C-alpha atoms as a PDB file:
ATOM      1  CA  MET A   1      -0.222 -45.222  72.880  1.00  0.00           C
ATOM      2  CA  ALA A   2      -0.421 -44.815  69.813  1.00  0.00           C
ATOM      3  CA  ARG A   3      -3.436 -43.086  68.589  1.00  0.00           C
ATOM      4  CA  PHE A   4      -4.942 -43.792  64.612  1.00  0.00           C
ATOM      5  CA  GLU A   5      -6.677 -41.298  62.524  1.00  0.00           C
ATOM      6  CA  MET A   6      -8.890 -43.254  59.832  1.00  0.00           C
ATOM      7  CA  HIS A   7     -10.188 -41.684  57.049  1.00  0.00           C
ATOM      8  CA  SER A   8     -11.557 -44.901  55.677  1.00  0.00           C
ATOM      9  CA  ALA A   9     -13.166 -47.766  57.146  1.00  0.00           C
ATOM     10  CA  ASP A  10     -10.642 -49.851  55.299  1.00  0.00           C
ATOM     11  CA  MET A  11      -8.204 -48.278  58.071  1.00  0.00           C
ATOM     12  CA  ALA A  12     -10.511 -48.857  60.699  1.00  0.00           C
ATOM     13  CA  ILE A  13     -10.589 -52.434  60.910  1.00  0.00           C
ATOM     14  CA  MET A  14      -8.304 -53.733  63.250  1.00  0.00           C
ATOM     15  CA  GLY A  15      -7.946 -56.910  64.567  1.00  0.00           C
ATOM     16  CA  GLU A  16     -10.585 -59.031  63.947  1.00  0.00           C
ATOM     17  CA  LYS A  17     -13.084 -56.323  65.386  1.00  0.00           C
ATOM     18  CA  PRO A  18     -15.436 -55.377  62.966  1.00  0.00           C
ATOM     19  CA  VAL A  19     -16.499 -52.069  61.619  1.00  0.00           C
ATOM     20  CA  SER A  20     -19.531 -50.671  63.295  1.00  0.00           C
ATOM     21  CA  ALA A  21     -22.678 -49.074  62.090  1.00  0.00           C
ATOM     22  CA  ASP A  22     -21.751 -45.980  63.621  1.00  0.00           C
ATOM     23  CA  ILE A  23     -18.455 -45.760  62.361  1.00  0.00           C
ATOM     24  CA  LEU A  24     -19.727 -46.190  58.680  1.00  0.00           C
ATOM     25  CA  PHE A  25     -21.394 -43.414  59.056  1.00  0.00           C
ATOM     26  CA  GLN A  26     -19.782 -40.972  60.342  1.00  0.00           C
ATOM     27  CA  MET A  27     -17.882 -41.774  57.343  1.00  0.00           C
ATOM     28  CA  GLY A  28     -20.570 -40.878  55.149  1.00  0.00           C
ATOM     29  CA  LEU A  29     -20.580 -37.570  56.837  1.00  0.00           C
ATOM     30  CA  ASP A  30     -17.085 -37.098  56.444  1.00  0.00           C
ATOM     31  CA  SER A  31     -17.541 -37.813  52.915  1.00  0.00           C
ATOM     32  CA  ALA A  32     -20.803 -35.908  52.444  1.00  0.00           C
ATOM     33  CA  SER A  33     -19.493 -32.696  53.911  1.00  0.00           C
ATOM     34  CA  GLY A  34     -15.399 -32.228  52.113  1.00  0.00           C
ATOM     35  CA  ARG A  35     -13.892 -33.193  56.000  1.00  0.00           C
ATOM     36  CA  HIS A  36     -10.825 -34.584  54.618  1.00  0.00           C
ATOM     37  CA  GLY A  37     -10.918 -33.125  51.007  1.00  0.00           C
ATOM     38  CA  ASP A  38     -13.706 -32.899  47.888  1.00  0.00           C
ATOM     39  CA  THR A  39     -16.780 -33.500  48.836  1.00  0.00           C
ATOM     40  CA  ASP A  40     -17.686 -36.859  47.479  1.00  0.00           C
ATOM     41  CA  LEU A  41     -21.326 -37.793  47.812  1.00  0.00           C
ATOM     42  CA  ILE A  42     -20.639 -40.783  45.814  1.00  0.00           C
ATOM     43  CA  THR A  43     -18.424 -41.878  49.404  1.00  0.00           C
ATOM     44  CA  ALA A  44     -21.328 -40.717  50.991  1.00  0.00           C
ATOM     45  CA  HIS A  45     -23.690 -42.871  49.846  1.00  0.00           C
ATOM     46  CA  LYS A  46     -21.312 -45.773  49.886  1.00  0.00           C
ATOM     47  CA  TRP A  47     -20.781 -45.585  53.572  1.00  0.00           C
ATOM     48  CA  PHE A  48     -24.425 -44.663  54.086  1.00  0.00           C
ATOM     49  CA  ASN A  49     -25.957 -47.544  52.560  1.00  0.00           C
ATOM     50  CA  ILE A  50     -23.756 -49.826  54.215  1.00  0.00           C
ATOM     51  CA  ALA A  51     -24.056 -47.836  57.570  1.00  0.00           C
ATOM     52  CA  ALA A  52     -27.837 -48.749  57.328  1.00  0.00           C
ATOM     53  CA  LEU A  53     -27.492 -52.509  56.840  1.00  0.00           C
ATOM     54  CA  LYS A  54     -25.968 -52.530  59.607  1.00  0.00           C
ATOM     55  CA  GLY A  55     -28.631 -51.035  61.373  1.00  0.00           C
ATOM     56  CA  ASN A  56     -27.986 -46.939  61.689  1.00  0.00           C
ATOM     57  CA  LYS A  57     -31.529 -45.352  60.557  1.00  0.00           C
ATOM     58  CA  ASP A  58     -30.126 -41.876  60.300  1.00  0.00           C
ATOM     59  CA  ALA A  59     -27.843 -43.259  57.303  1.00  0.00           C
ATOM     60  CA  ALA A  60     -30.881 -44.651  55.752  1.00  0.00           C
ATOM     61  CA  ARG A  61     -31.989 -40.631  55.908  1.00  0.00           C
ATOM     62  CA  TYR A  62     -29.403 -39.346  54.609  1.00  0.00           C
ATOM     63  CA  ARG A  63     -28.560 -41.486  51.746  1.00  0.00           C
ATOM     64  CA  LYS A  64     -32.373 -41.017  51.225  1.00  0.00           C
ATOM     65  CA  GLU A  65     -31.569 -37.211  51.200  1.00  0.00           C
ATOM     66  CA  ILE A  66     -27.891 -37.055  49.182  1.00  0.00           C
ATOM     67  CA  SER A  67     -29.441 -39.500  46.324  1.00  0.00           C
ATOM     68  CA  GLY A  68     -31.926 -36.584  45.266  1.00  0.00           C
ATOM     69  CA  GLU A  69     -28.254 -34.598  44.189  1.00  0.00           C
ATOM     70  CA  MET A  70     -26.819 -37.783  42.634  1.00  0.00           C
ATOM     71  CA  SER A  71     -27.787 -38.667  38.863  1.00  0.00           C
ATOM     72  CA  PRO A  72     -28.871 -42.240  38.313  1.00  0.00           C
ATOM     73  CA  THR A  73     -25.297 -43.203  37.747  1.00  0.00           C
ATOM     74  CA  GLU A  74     -23.468 -41.673  40.354  1.00  0.00           C
ATOM     75  CA  ILE A  75     -25.787 -43.740  42.296  1.00  0.00           C
ATOM     76  CA  ALA A  76     -25.340 -47.163  41.150  1.00  0.00           C
ATOM     77  CA  GLU A  77     -21.591 -46.544  41.313  1.00  0.00           C
ATOM     78  CA  ALA A  78     -21.835 -46.267  44.935  1.00  0.00           C
ATOM     79  CA  GLN A  79     -24.752 -49.485  44.956  1.00  0.00           C
ATOM     80  CA  ARG A  80     -21.504 -51.178  42.880  1.00  0.00           C
ATOM     81  CA  SER A  81     -18.995 -49.752  45.517  1.00  0.00           C
ATOM     82  CA  ALA A  82     -20.938 -50.870  48.904  1.00  0.00           C
ATOM     83  CA  ARG A  83     -21.689 -54.353  47.401  1.00  0.00           C
ATOM     84  CA  GLU A  84     -17.922 -54.502  46.666  1.00  0.00           C
ATOM     85  CA  TRP A  85     -16.758 -53.478  49.909  1.00  0.00           C
ATOM     86  CA  LEU A  86     -18.931 -55.800  51.700  1.00  0.00           C
ATOM     87  CA  SER A  87     -17.848 -58.480  49.650  1.00  0.00           C
ATOM     88  CA  THR A  88     -14.544 -57.780  51.279  1.00  0.00           C
ATOM     89  CA  HIS A  89     -14.980 -56.957  54.617  1.00  0.00           C
END
């Protein structure tokens, strides 16, 4: 059986199974910590936002925390990105 590394939620969608809030939350943690490259708070905010919408309570707390380190423009960009992702998935 093959093993897949998932570095984006786009890759995590396999077949008909939707991406879970826990996977999206982990994506946010990975982006916030720079686990797969540079720290990216905009992308982290996006994943935390989507995970929170899907019911992950920790994601809402983390989103609020990193928002304090972001400019209003960065937050708006993250929100736009989350809306785009949701409209295509």
